[in-house]
Amino acid sequence: MGVWAASQVLPKLQMQHYPISTCTAINGTPFPIDDSRGIPVQVFRATLNTLSEKRLINSDYGCAVQGDIKPFSC
């Protein structure tokens, strides 16, 4: 979702003369939930329907510790 978020925020920051000269994205898309250009809708919905704190703790997602989920803060 980072590339999509950047596509929403960066133009507004540039209009406010925020000093951004270049941006580089790797493995992202401005179409995060899209059957042909991003995550297929069915896959996204299935992920949401099965997502829970317990599944995050028992997965390899970030460095979750029971009761204190902090993804990507290793």
Protein backbone atom coordinates (compact mmCIF):
# COMPACT_ATOMS: atom_id res chain seq x y z
CA MET A 1 0.00 0.00 0.00
CA GLY A 2 3.05 2.25 0.21
CA VAL A 3 3.19 3.07 -3.49
CA TRP A 4 -0.51 3.92 -3.51
CA ALA A 5 -0.13 6.07 -0.37
CA ALA A 6 2.82 7.90 -1.91
CA SER A 7 0.82 8.57 -5.07
CA GLN A 8 -1.83 10.23 -2.91
CA VAL A 9 0.46 12.24 -0.64
CA LEU A 10 3.48 13.27 -2.72
CA PRO A 11 1.67 15.48 -5.27
CA LYS A 12 0.11 17.46 -2.40
CA LEU A 13 3.49 17.84 -0.69
CA GLN A 14 5.09 19.02 -3.93
CA MET A 15 2.34 21.62 -4.34
CA GLN A 16 3.32 22.90 -0.90
CA HIS A 17 6.94 23.15 -2.11
CA TYR A 18 8.11 20.26 0.06
CA PRO A 19 11.69 19.50 -1.09
CA ILE A 20 11.19 16.12 -2.80
CA SER A 21 13.31 15.71 -5.93
CA THR A 22 13.06 11.95 -6.61
CA CYS A 23 11.17 8.90 -5.38
CA THR A 24 11.89 5.24 -6.05
CA ALA A 25 9.54 2.33 -5.42
CA ILE A 26 10.42 -1.33 -5.75
CA ASN A 27 7.74 -4.01 -6.13
CA GLY A 28 4.77 -1.73 -5.63
CA THR A 29 1.72 -0.57 -7.52
CA PRO A 30 -0.54 2.48 -7.42
CA PHE A 31 -3.42 -0.03 -7.80
CA PRO A 32 -3.20 -1.99 -4.53
CA ILE A 33 -6.49 -3.89 -4.84
CA ASP A 34 -7.07 -4.55 -8.52
CA ASP A 35 -7.65 -7.81 -10.38
CA SER A 36 -5.28 -6.99 -13.21
CA ARG A 37 -2.72 -4.57 -11.76
CA GLY A 38 -2.46 -5.35 -8.05
CA ILE A 39 -3.70 -7.79 -5.42
CA PRO A 40 -6.76 -9.63 -6.79
CA VAL A 41 -9.96 -8.58 -4.99
CA GLN A 42 -10.78 -12.17 -3.98
CA VAL A 43 -7.32 -12.67 -2.42
CA PHE A 44 -7.57 -9.37 -0.52
CA ARG A 45 -11.04 -10.21 0.84
CA ALA A 46 -9.95 -13.73 1.84
CA THR A 47 -6.98 -12.23 3.69
CA LEU A 48 -9.22 -9.78 5.55
CA ASN A 49 -11.72 -12.51 6.41
CA THR A 50 -9.06 -14.70 8.03
CA LEU A 51 -6.81 -12.04 9.55
CA SER A 52 -6.58 -12.01 13.33
CA GLU A 53 -4.11 -11.14 16.06
CA LYS A 54 -3.58 -14.85 16.74
CA ARG A 55 -2.72 -15.53 13.08
CA LEU A 56 -0.24 -12.64 13.09
CA ILE A 57 1.43 -13.89 16.25
CA ASN A 58 1.71 -17.43 14.84
CA SER A 59 3.04 -16.30 11.46
CA ASP A 60 6.33 -14.97 10.16
CA TYR A 61 4.80 -11.48 9.83
CA GLY A 62 7.24 -9.00 11.33
CA CYS A 63 8.34 -9.61 14.91
CA ALA A 64 4.97 -9.96 16.62
CA VAL A 65 5.04 -10.83 20.28
CA GLN A 66 1.83 -12.04 21.88
CA GLY A 67 -0.26 -9.04 22.94
CA ASP A 68 2.12 -6.53 21.36
CA ILE A 69 2.03 -6.65 17.56
CA LYS A 70 4.78 -4.54 16.05
CA PRO A 71 5.21 -5.59 12.43
CA PHE A 72 8.51 -4.78 10.78
CA SER A 73 10.11 -3.40 13.96
CA CYS A 74 12.77 -6.10 14.32
